[in-house]
Amino acid sequence: MDTDSISVFAERKGQILVAGSGQETISCDKQSLSGAVSQRACVFCGARVVLYPIADALHLVHGPIGCAAYTWDIRGALSSGPELHRMSFSTDMREREVIFGAEKKLEQSLRELIEKYQPKGAFVYSTCVAGVIGDDIEAVCKRVEKDVGIPVIAVQSEGFKGNKRAGYSAACKAIDRLVGTGDTTGIGPLSINILGDFNLAGEIWLIRQYYEKMGLQVVANITGDGRIDDIRKSHGAKLNVVQCSGATMELAKYMKEKHDVPFLRVSYFGIEDMAESLYAVARHFQDVDWQVMERARKIVADELLTLVPEMKALKKRLQGKTAAIYVGGAFKAFSLIKAFRHLGMKVTLVGSQTGTEEDYREIQQVCDPGTVIVDDANPLELGAFLRDNDVDILVGGVKERPIAYKLGLGFCDHNHERKLALEGFLGMRNFAKEVAATVESPIWRLVPRRIGRTTAGTAHSTEVVGKES
């Protein structure tokens, strides 16, 4: 595809490449271009989405009420116990506090909330306004922590400091202050922490089942269905298994440096990556228990026994259709490209909000020549690329949904608002069925630019009744 036909800001040219074109690197991991209307979120939002699923913690936003409203219940993160994380608390800073400071109000709010809800810990998020006026949130948290006897952690997440990726870093620094403060008694040699899974639609419970069937002890979920006390003793685990590397890889590196806990990067999306994740963890523990690999192989074999025939049937219906991917974390893109191949579909566009050079190099290796790869796209660019490629379905998040529907495209939600599990072997089954149902929907026959095209899964096409719009 020739990207020169698409209108792109000159300053963003380096953030777009075509696989197989000879261009080896992409400009990324930088501030969004002013005026480009990036799909990215702010630092505060990045910190919130990582820490939010810790279910027995108090989450207090120190800033105007809008910041708390924007991130209220921001992930579909389920809890098997307490649900304090789903309550959005704010100091509701107004003009008076902006002028005279809001440290006193913050301290009063913290003490009142801790007394009422009895959390295991508390996170206090700094926002742009709190940062600009210079409130010393760290000092307030230390005073309250000394009196109440639970961890009270300041999250330095002022939105103006960078982008969502910087928020991930702020969250990792906050979690790191908990790690190493708990008792590790009872943690065995076959033990892991699950990092970077946020328990959307209960996915972490499914992944835990796989690991537990392998004979492994899961010490801490970081952070989906997470608990403060589990995180405090997580340094006792013998391996960190990191999925969303953009969000929690920094924490894994801290734990390697400070507590000598090794880590593995994995992905639970798609058939190959889910299987390889189990095999990689099994290989790590083979010297401790040689049977762990056999148990992993049995899990995979049992799952594929029913999954493969279903995938073959769906592939016949979807063969030759096209897809576009635009996600927050680039790690999802690797697995999604492979998943679409299993369905006989071609990916023509891949993008992410927070990918690194290493991420984009890996994407180039797994995608087909001619695939457009884009970093930090804006709505106009995405819309132009989607029209030019005439894709059948876009996989993205809540901000990409309106773009797809306005263009008359199918859409699959792969972001943190979704209610359908897409991880694991069950997740691949769910994903394949959703893609098929979406692409084959008869509604697309009525979209002006699609009229006259054969609809997926049907043997006929409609009459041409209008021109492309």
Protein backbone atom coordinates (compact mmCIF):
# COMPACT_ATOMS: atom_id res chain seq x y z
CA MET A 1 0.00 0.00 0.00
CA ASP A 2 1.21 3.51 -0.80
CA THR A 3 0.80 5.61 2.35
CA ASP A 4 1.60 8.79 0.40
CA SER A 5 -2.03 8.82 -0.74
CA ILE A 6 -3.13 9.33 2.89
CA SER A 7 -3.12 12.81 4.42
CA VAL A 8 -0.67 12.70 7.34
CA PHE A 9 1.00 15.49 9.33
CA ALA A 10 4.57 15.93 8.11
CA GLU A 11 5.85 15.52 11.68
CA ARG A 12 4.20 12.10 11.88
CA LYS A 13 5.57 10.59 8.68
CA GLY A 14 8.21 8.65 10.63
CA GLN A 15 5.52 7.01 12.78
CA ILE A 16 4.11 5.11 9.81
CA LEU A 17 5.77 2.38 7.78
CA VAL A 18 4.83 -0.37 5.37
CA ALA A 19 6.11 -3.86 6.14
CA GLY A 20 8.58 -5.08 3.54
CA SER A 21 9.26 -1.57 2.22
CA GLY A 22 12.85 -1.55 3.45
CA GLN A 23 12.17 0.91 6.26
CA GLU A 24 13.54 -0.86 9.34
CA THR A 25 12.51 1.40 12.22
CA ILE A 26 9.52 3.47 13.19
CA SER A 27 9.51 6.62 15.28
CA CYS A 28 7.65 5.88 18.50
CA ASP A 29 7.58 6.12 22.30
CA LYS A 30 7.43 9.93 22.09
CA GLN A 31 5.07 12.74 22.94
CA SER A 32 1.97 12.98 20.76
CA LEU A 33 1.99 15.73 18.17
CA SER A 34 0.06 18.78 19.36
CA GLY A 35 -3.14 19.20 17.39
CA ALA A 36 -3.11 15.66 16.01
CA VAL A 37 -5.92 14.51 18.35
CA SER A 38 -4.12 11.38 19.54
CA GLN A 39 -6.12 8.36 20.69
CA ARG A 40 -3.79 8.10 23.69
CA ALA A 41 -4.82 8.81 27.27
CA CYS A 42 -2.89 10.82 29.88
CA VAL A 43 -0.39 9.79 32.58
CA PHE A 44 -3.08 9.74 35.26
CA CYS A 45 -5.27 7.44 33.17
CA GLY A 46 -2.34 5.09 32.55
CA ALA A 47 -1.67 4.78 36.28
CA ARG A 48 -5.34 4.26 37.06
CA VAL A 49 -5.87 1.42 34.60
CA VAL A 50 -2.94 -0.53 36.08
CA LEU A 51 -3.71 0.01 39.78
CA TYR A 52 -7.51 0.07 39.60
CA PRO A 53 -8.05 -3.74 39.71
CA ILE A 54 -6.45 -4.06 43.18
CA ALA A 55 -9.78 -4.78 44.78
CA ASP A 56 -9.15 -4.32 48.52
CA ALA A 57 -7.39 -0.97 48.18
CA LEU A 58 -8.83 2.52 48.52
CA HIS A 59 -8.31 4.57 45.34
CA LEU A 60 -8.49 8.34 45.96
CA VAL A 61 -8.06 10.84 43.13
CA HIS A 62 -6.63 14.16 44.32
CA GLY A 63 -7.95 16.61 41.77
CA PRO A 64 -11.11 18.02 40.19
CA ILE A 65 -14.11 15.72 40.05
CA GLY A 66 -13.75 15.28 36.29
CA CYS A 67 -10.59 13.19 36.68
CA ALA A 68 -12.36 10.72 38.94
CA ALA A 69 -15.42 10.63 36.69
CA TYR A 70 -13.27 9.99 33.61
CA THR A 71 -11.65 6.93 35.17
CA TRP A 72 -14.56 5.58 37.23
CA ASP A 73 -14.86 1.81 36.77
CA ILE A 74 -12.40 2.21 33.89
CA ARG A 75 -11.69 -1.50 33.48
CA GLY A 76 -14.11 -4.41 33.39
CA ALA A 77 -11.89 -5.90 36.10
CA LEU A 78 -13.78 -8.47 38.14
CA SER A 79 -13.08 -9.40 41.75
CA SER A 80 -13.64 -12.71 43.54
CA GLY A 81 -14.04 -10.85 46.82
CA PRO A 82 -14.05 -7.17 47.81
CA GLU A 83 -15.10 -4.55 45.28
CA LEU A 84 -13.83 -1.38 46.91
CA HIS A 85 -11.92 -0.64 43.69
CA ARG A 86 -15.18 0.01 41.86
CA MET A 87 -15.96 3.04 44.05
CA SER A 88 -14.47 6.26 42.69
CA PHE A 89 -13.35 8.67 45.39
CA SER A 90 -12.18 12.24 44.75
CA THR A 91 -11.11 15.25 46.80
CA ASP A 92 -13.18 17.32 44.32
CA MET A 93 -10.72 20.24 44.15
CA ARG A 94 -12.42 23.53 43.35
CA GLU A 95 -11.35 27.13 42.90
CA ARG A 96 -10.67 27.72 46.60
CA GLU A 97 -8.37 24.68 46.85
CA VAL A 98 -6.60 25.59 43.62
CA ILE A 99 -5.76 29.00 45.09
CA PHE A 100 -4.96 28.09 48.70
CA GLY A 101 -3.94 24.42 48.35
CA ALA A 102 -5.79 21.20 49.14
CA GLU A 103 -3.43 19.21 51.38
CA LYS A 104 -5.71 19.64 54.41
CA LYS A 105 -8.74 18.47 52.42
CA LEU A 106 -6.76 15.49 51.12
CA GLU A 107 -5.71 14.43 54.62
CA GLN A 108 -9.24 14.76 55.97
CA SER A 109 -10.61 12.76 53.05
CA LEU A 110 -8.04 10.00 53.47
CA ARG A 111 -8.65 9.60 57.19
CA GLU A 112 -12.43 9.59 56.79
CA LEU A 113 -12.40 7.03 53.95
CA ILE A 114 -9.91 4.70 55.64
CA GLU A 115 -11.94 4.75 58.87
CA LYS A 116 -15.18 4.02 57.01
CA TYR A 117 -14.04 1.34 54.52
CA GLN A 118 -11.10 -0.29 56.36
CA PRO A 119 -9.02 -0.98 53.22
CA LYS A 120 -5.82 -3.03 53.20
CA GLY A 121 -4.00 -0.12 51.56
CA ALA A 122 -4.60 3.16 49.77
CA PHE A 123 -3.42 4.78 46.54
CA VAL A 124 -3.61 8.55 46.17
CA TYR A 125 -3.39 9.76 42.59
CA SER A 126 -1.92 13.17 41.79
CA THR A 127 -3.54 14.98 38.86
CA CYS A 128 -2.52 17.97 36.74
CA VAL A 129 -4.06 20.55 39.05
CA ALA A 130 -2.50 19.02 42.18
CA GLY A 131 0.88 19.01 40.45
CA VAL A 132 0.64 22.58 39.20
CA ILE A 133 -0.23 24.07 42.61
CA GLY A 134 2.45 21.94 44.30
CA ASP A 135 0.47 19.98 46.89
CA ASP A 136 2.87 17.69 48.78
CA ILE A 137 0.89 14.48 48.43
CA GLU A 138 3.82 12.33 49.53
CA ALA A 139 4.02 14.11 52.89
CA VAL A 140 0.29 13.76 53.49
CA CYS A 141 0.40 10.04 52.69
CA LYS A 142 3.31 9.45 55.06
CA ARG A 143 1.51 11.20 57.94
CA VAL A 144 -1.67 9.22 57.44
CA GLU A 145 0.18 5.91 56.95
CA LYS A 146 2.02 6.38 60.25
CA ASP A 147 -1.28 6.83 62.10
CA VAL A 148 -3.52 4.23 60.41
CA GLY A 149 -1.02 1.38 60.03
CA ILE A 150 -1.69 0.47 56.39
CA PRO A 151 0.31 1.36 53.26
CA VAL A 152 -0.77 4.77 51.90
CA ILE A 153 1.01 5.34 48.61
CA ALA A 154 1.26 8.53 46.58
CA VAL A 155 1.02 7.89 42.84
CA GLN A 156 2.91 10.60 40.94
CA SER A 157 0.59 10.64 37.94
CA GLU A 158 0.21 14.29 36.95
CA GLY A 159 -1.25 14.17 33.45
CA PHE A 160 1.04 16.79 31.95
CA LYS A 161 4.20 14.71 32.60
CA GLY A 162 3.85 12.58 29.48
CA ASN A 163 1.45 10.04 28.00
CA LYS A 164 -0.27 6.87 29.13
CA ARG A 165 2.99 4.92 29.08
CA ALA A 166 4.44 7.24 31.71
CA GLY A 167 1.39 6.42 33.80
CA TYR A 168 2.29 2.73 33.61
CA SER A 169 5.69 3.66 35.02
CA ALA A 170 4.12 5.64 37.88
CA ALA A 171 1.92 2.64 38.72
CA CYS A 172 4.89 0.25 38.72
CA LYS A 173 6.78 2.54 41.10
CA ALA A 174 3.76 2.57 43.41
CA ILE A 175 3.40 -1.23 43.41
CA ASP A 176 7.14 -1.62 43.95
CA ARG A 177 6.75 0.12 47.30
CA LEU A 178 4.51 -2.74 48.42
CA VAL A 179 6.65 -5.61 47.13
CA GLY A 180 8.99 -7.05 49.72
CA THR A 181 7.04 -5.89 52.78
CA GLY A 182 5.12 -9.14 53.44
CA ASP A 183 5.85 -12.57 54.90
CA THR A 184 6.77 -15.23 52.31
CA THR A 185 6.13 -18.23 54.55
CA GLY A 186 4.34 -21.01 52.68
CA ILE A 187 5.54 -20.06 49.19
CA GLY A 188 6.94 -23.15 47.47
CA PRO A 189 9.52 -23.76 44.73
CA LEU A 190 6.86 -24.02 41.98
CA SER A 191 5.44 -20.53 42.43
CA ILE A 192 4.68 -17.62 40.11
CA ASN A 193 3.18 -14.15 40.00
CA ILE A 194 0.87 -13.21 37.11
CA LEU A 195 1.75 -9.69 35.93
CA GLY A 196 -0.09 -7.57 33.38
CA ASP A 197 -3.44 -9.34 33.42
CA PHE A 198 -6.33 -7.21 34.63
CA ASN A 199 -9.05 -9.87 34.90
CA LEU A 200 -11.29 -8.49 32.21
CA ALA A 201 -14.37 -10.71 31.99
CA GLY A 202 -12.75 -13.05 34.55
CA GLU A 203 -9.80 -13.96 32.32
CA ILE A 204 -7.22 -14.24 35.09
CA TRP A 205 -9.30 -16.98 36.74
CA LEU A 206 -9.07 -18.98 33.53
CA ILE A 207 -5.28 -18.46 33.31
CA ARG A 208 -4.82 -19.37 36.97
CA GLN A 209 -6.64 -22.64 36.33
CA TYR A 210 -4.15 -23.55 33.62
CA TYR A 211 -1.19 -22.83 35.89
CA GLU A 212 -2.72 -24.62 38.86
CA LYS A 213 -3.40 -27.71 36.70
CA MET A 214 0.32 -27.64 35.91
CA GLY A 215 1.00 -27.88 39.63
CA LEU A 216 2.06 -24.24 40.11
CA GLN A 217 1.25 -21.95 43.02
CA VAL A 218 0.05 -18.48 42.03
CA VAL A 219 1.25 -16.09 44.73
CA ALA A 220 -0.10 -12.77 43.42
CA ASN A 221 -2.24 -11.40 40.63
CA ILE A 222 -0.75 -8.06 39.58
CA THR A 223 -3.16 -6.51 39.26
CA GLY A 224 -6.39 -8.23 38.12
CA ASP A 225 -8.38 -9.48 41.14
CA GLY A 226 -5.34 -8.29 43.10
CA ARG A 227 -4.92 -8.07 46.87
CA ILE A 228 -2.56 -5.84 48.84
CA ASP A 229 -1.25 -8.64 51.08
CA ASP A 230 -0.54 -10.90 48.09
CA ILE A 231 1.46 -8.16 46.38
CA ARG A 232 3.43 -7.50 49.58
CA LYS A 233 4.69 -11.10 49.61
CA SER A 234 5.04 -11.48 45.83
CA HIS A 235 8.85 -11.26 46.07
CA GLY A 236 8.73 -14.83 47.41
CA ALA A 237 7.58 -16.25 44.06
CA LYS A 238 10.15 -18.00 41.89
CA LEU A 239 9.02 -16.48 38.56
CA ASN A 240 7.14 -13.45 37.24
CA VAL A 241 5.01 -14.20 34.17
CA VAL A 242 4.45 -10.89 32.36
CA GLN A 243 1.72 -10.45 29.78
CA CYS A 244 1.05 -6.74 29.23
CA SER A 245 4.73 -5.87 29.04
CA GLY A 246 4.06 -2.18 28.42
CA ALA A 247 2.16 -1.86 31.68
CA THR A 248 4.13 -4.07 34.08
CA MET A 249 7.52 -4.91 32.57
CA GLU A 250 9.10 -2.12 34.60
CA LEU A 251 7.83 -3.75 37.79
CA ALA A 252 9.22 -7.13 36.67
CA LYS A 253 12.62 -5.49 36.16
CA TYR A 254 12.47 -3.88 39.62
CA MET A 255 11.73 -7.28 41.17
CA LYS A 256 14.59 -8.88 39.26
CA GLU A 257 17.03 -6.23 40.47
CA LYS A 258 15.86 -6.03 44.09
CA HIS A 259 14.62 -9.56 44.83
CA ASP A 260 16.25 -11.70 42.12
CA VAL A 261 12.90 -12.89 40.74
CA PRO A 262 13.33 -13.80 37.03
CA PHE A 263 10.60 -12.99 34.50
CA LEU A 264 9.16 -14.29 31.23
CA ARG A 265 7.17 -12.37 28.62
CA VAL A 266 4.05 -14.20 27.49
CA SER A 267 0.74 -13.64 25.74
CA TYR A 268 -2.51 -15.42 26.49
CA PHE A 269 -4.22 -14.41 23.24
CA GLY A 270 -4.45 -16.89 20.37
CA ILE A 271 -3.69 -20.59 20.10
CA GLU A 272 0.09 -20.58 19.55
CA ASP A 273 0.85 -17.87 22.09
CA MET A 274 -1.36 -19.38 24.80
CA ALA A 275 0.25 -22.80 24.31
CA GLU A 276 3.77 -21.35 24.18
CA SER A 277 3.11 -19.38 27.38
CA LEU A 278 2.36 -22.61 29.25
CA TYR A 279 5.34 -24.38 27.66
CA ALA A 280 7.72 -21.51 28.49
CA VAL A 281 6.70 -21.53 32.14
CA ALA A 282 6.97 -25.34 32.21
CA ARG A 283 10.50 -25.18 30.77
CA HIS A 284 11.50 -22.77 33.52
CA PHE A 285 10.46 -25.25 36.23
CA GLN A 286 11.53 -28.51 34.56
CA ASP A 287 14.59 -28.87 36.78
CA VAL A 288 12.36 -28.64 39.85
CA ASP A 289 9.57 -30.92 38.58
CA TRP A 290 10.10 -32.74 35.27
CA GLN A 291 6.38 -33.62 35.07
CA VAL A 292 5.27 -30.01 34.81
CA MET A 293 5.87 -30.07 31.03
CA GLU A 294 3.76 -33.20 30.64
CA ARG A 295 0.93 -31.56 32.50
CA ALA A 296 1.20 -28.48 30.27
CA ARG A 297 1.10 -30.60 27.12
CA LYS A 298 -1.99 -32.42 28.36
CA ILE A 299 -3.79 -29.11 29.00
CA VAL A 300 -3.02 -27.92 25.48
CA ALA A 301 -3.95 -31.23 23.85
CA ASP A 302 -7.27 -31.43 25.70
CA GLU A 303 -8.18 -27.86 24.73
CA LEU A 304 -7.23 -28.26 21.06
CA LEU A 305 -9.26 -31.45 20.73
CA THR A 306 -12.47 -29.44 20.57
CA LEU A 307 -11.12 -26.05 19.49
CA VAL A 308 -9.40 -27.04 16.22
CA PRO A 309 -12.52 -28.47 14.51
CA GLU A 310 -14.48 -25.33 15.41
CA MET A 311 -11.72 -23.11 14.02
CA LYS A 312 -11.65 -25.05 10.74
CA ALA A 313 -15.38 -24.56 10.27
CA LEU A 314 -15.11 -20.82 10.95
CA LYS A 315 -12.11 -20.51 8.62
CA LYS A 316 -14.19 -21.76 5.68
CA ARG A 317 -16.64 -18.93 6.28
CA LEU A 318 -14.03 -16.19 6.79
CA GLN A 319 -11.34 -17.14 4.27
CA GLY A 320 -10.06 -14.10 2.38
CA LYS A 321 -11.64 -11.42 4.56
CA THR A 322 -9.50 -8.55 5.83
CA ALA A 323 -8.91 -7.05 9.26
CA ALA A 324 -7.31 -4.00 10.87
CA ILE A 325 -5.88 -3.84 14.39
CA TYR A 326 -5.43 -0.74 16.54
CA VAL A 327 -4.83 -1.46 20.22
CA GLY A 328 -3.30 0.20 23.27
CA GLY A 329 -0.55 -2.31 24.06
CA ALA A 330 1.43 -3.69 21.13
CA PHE A 331 1.71 -7.16 22.73
CA LYS A 332 -1.93 -7.83 21.75
CA ALA A 333 -1.15 -7.12 18.10
CA PHE A 334 1.34 -10.02 17.81
CA SER A 335 -1.25 -12.54 18.93
CA LEU A 336 -4.12 -10.99 16.97
CA ILE A 337 -2.20 -11.24 13.68
CA LYS A 338 -1.68 -14.97 14.30
CA ALA A 339 -5.29 -15.41 15.39
CA PHE A 340 -6.60 -13.88 12.17
CA ARG A 341 -4.33 -16.21 10.17
CA HIS A 342 -6.03 -19.16 11.87
CA LEU A 343 -9.29 -17.77 10.53
CA GLY A 344 -7.94 -17.36 7.00
CA MET A 345 -8.09 -13.58 7.25
CA LYS A 346 -5.46 -11.06 6.17
CA VAL A 347 -4.38 -8.18 8.43
CA THR A 348 -3.74 -5.03 6.38
CA LEU A 349 -3.26 -2.47 9.18
CA VAL A 350 -1.64 -2.78 12.61
CA GLY A 351 -1.19 0.03 15.10
CA SER A 352 -0.79 0.75 18.80
CA GLN A 353 -0.80 3.69 21.17
CA THR A 354 2.21 2.73 23.30
CA GLY A 355 4.45 0.45 21.22
CA THR A 356 8.25 0.56 21.43
CA GLU A 357 10.82 0.06 18.65
CA GLU A 358 11.26 -3.54 19.80
CA ASP A 359 7.50 -4.08 19.65
CA TYR A 360 7.25 -2.75 16.11
CA ARG A 361 10.22 -4.85 14.94
CA GLU A 362 8.40 -7.94 16.19
CA ILE A 363 5.20 -6.82 14.47
CA GLN A 364 7.08 -6.47 11.17
CA GLN A 365 8.37 -10.02 11.54
CA VAL A 366 4.92 -11.55 11.98
CA CYS A 367 2.84 -9.50 9.53
CA ASP A 368 2.63 -9.82 5.74
CA PRO A 369 4.51 -7.53 3.32
CA GLY A 370 2.43 -4.47 2.50
CA THR A 371 0.83 -4.27 5.94
CA VAL A 372 0.63 -0.68 7.20
CA ILE A 373 2.12 -0.26 10.69
CA VAL A 374 1.26 2.94 12.55
CA ASP A 375 2.17 4.38 15.95
CA ASP A 376 -0.11 6.75 17.90
CA ALA A 377 -2.61 7.28 15.08
CA ASN A 378 -5.36 9.88 15.16
CA PRO A 379 -8.98 9.38 14.03
CA LEU A 380 -8.52 10.98 10.59
CA GLU A 381 -5.50 8.81 9.79
CA LEU A 382 -7.23 5.66 11.00
CA GLY A 383 -10.33 6.45 8.99
CA ALA A 384 -8.27 7.06 5.83
CA PHE A 385 -6.27 3.85 6.21
CA LEU A 386 -9.43 1.83 6.84
CA ARG A 387 -11.17 3.24 3.77
CA ASP A 388 -8.12 2.70 1.58
CA ASN A 389 -7.77 -0.93 2.69
CA ASP A 390 -11.53 -1.60 2.60
CA VAL A 391 -11.29 -3.90 5.63
CA ASP A 392 -14.10 -6.10 6.90
CA ILE A 393 -13.47 -5.65 10.63
CA LEU A 394 -11.52 -3.38 12.98
CA VAL A 395 -10.26 -4.65 16.32
CA GLY A 396 -9.75 -1.80 18.77
CA GLY A 397 -11.00 -0.04 21.87
CA VAL A 398 -13.85 2.21 22.88
CA LYS A 399 -12.45 5.25 21.04
CA GLU A 400 -12.10 3.33 17.78
CA ARG A 401 -15.64 1.93 17.80
CA PRO A 402 -17.33 5.10 16.43
CA ILE A 403 -14.74 5.31 13.63
CA ALA A 404 -15.57 1.78 12.47
CA TYR A 405 -19.33 2.24 12.64
CA LYS A 406 -19.25 5.57 10.81
CA LEU A 407 -17.32 3.88 8.01
CA GLY A 408 -19.71 0.93 7.94
CA LEU A 409 -17.17 -1.59 9.26
CA GLY A 410 -17.54 -4.46 11.65
CA PHE A 411 -15.93 -3.88 15.06
CA CYS A 412 -14.53 -6.15 17.80
CA ASP A 413 -13.85 -4.63 21.22
CA HIS A 414 -10.44 -5.79 22.48
CA ASN A 415 -10.03 -3.11 25.13
CA HIS A 416 -10.65 -2.97 28.88
CA GLU A 417 -14.40 -2.26 28.66
CA ARG A 418 -15.24 -5.64 27.12
CA LYS A 419 -17.37 -8.24 28.88
CA LEU A 420 -16.31 -11.28 26.83
CA ALA A 421 -13.22 -13.31 27.77
CA LEU A 422 -10.70 -13.31 24.90
CA GLU A 423 -7.71 -14.90 26.67
CA GLY A 424 -6.84 -18.57 26.72
CA PHE A 425 -8.22 -21.29 24.47
CA LEU A 426 -11.77 -20.37 25.48
CA GLY A 427 -10.95 -16.78 24.55
CA MET A 428 -9.81 -17.81 21.07
CA ARG A 429 -13.11 -19.64 20.58
CA ASN A 430 -15.05 -16.55 21.75
CA PHE A 431 -12.97 -14.24 19.54
CA ALA A 432 -13.44 -16.39 16.43
CA LYS A 433 -17.19 -16.60 16.95
CA GLU A 434 -17.48 -12.85 17.51
CA VAL A 435 -15.45 -12.07 14.39
CA ALA A 436 -17.57 -14.42 12.29
CA ALA A 437 -20.86 -13.05 13.64
CA THR A 438 -19.71 -9.47 13.06
CA VAL A 439 -18.28 -9.92 9.56
CA GLU A 440 -21.24 -11.99 8.41
CA SER A 441 -23.87 -9.61 9.74
CA PRO A 442 -26.39 -8.77 6.97
CA ILE A 443 -26.32 -5.12 8.00
CA TRP A 444 -23.14 -4.55 5.98
CA ARG A 445 -25.03 -5.26 2.75
CA LEU A 446 -26.93 -2.03 3.37
CA VAL A 447 -23.86 0.17 3.81
CA PRO A 448 -23.57 2.39 0.68
CA ARG A 449 -19.88 1.74 0.01
CA ARG A 450 -20.41 -2.03 0.40
CA ILE A 451 -23.50 -2.41 -1.79
CA GLY A 452 -22.73 -4.86 -4.59
CA ARG A 453 -20.05 -6.74 -2.71
CA THR A 454 -20.57 -10.35 -1.74
CA THR A 455 -21.17 -10.60 1.99
CA ALA A 456 -19.02 -13.00 4.00
CA GLY A 457 -20.67 -16.35 4.44
CA THR A 458 -23.30 -15.81 1.75
CA ALA A 459 -23.49 -16.98 -1.82
CA HIS A 460 -25.14 -13.90 -3.26
CA SER A 461 -24.63 -10.16 -3.53
CA THR A 462 -27.14 -7.36 -3.51
CA GLU A 463 -27.91 -5.11 -6.44
CA VAL A 464 -26.04 -1.86 -6.81
CA VAL A 465 -28.45 0.87 -5.76
CA GLY A 466 -26.05 3.70 -5.06
CA LYS A 467 -22.53 4.94 -5.45
CA GLU A 468 -19.73 4.69 -2.93
CA SER A 469 -19.83 7.35 -0.26
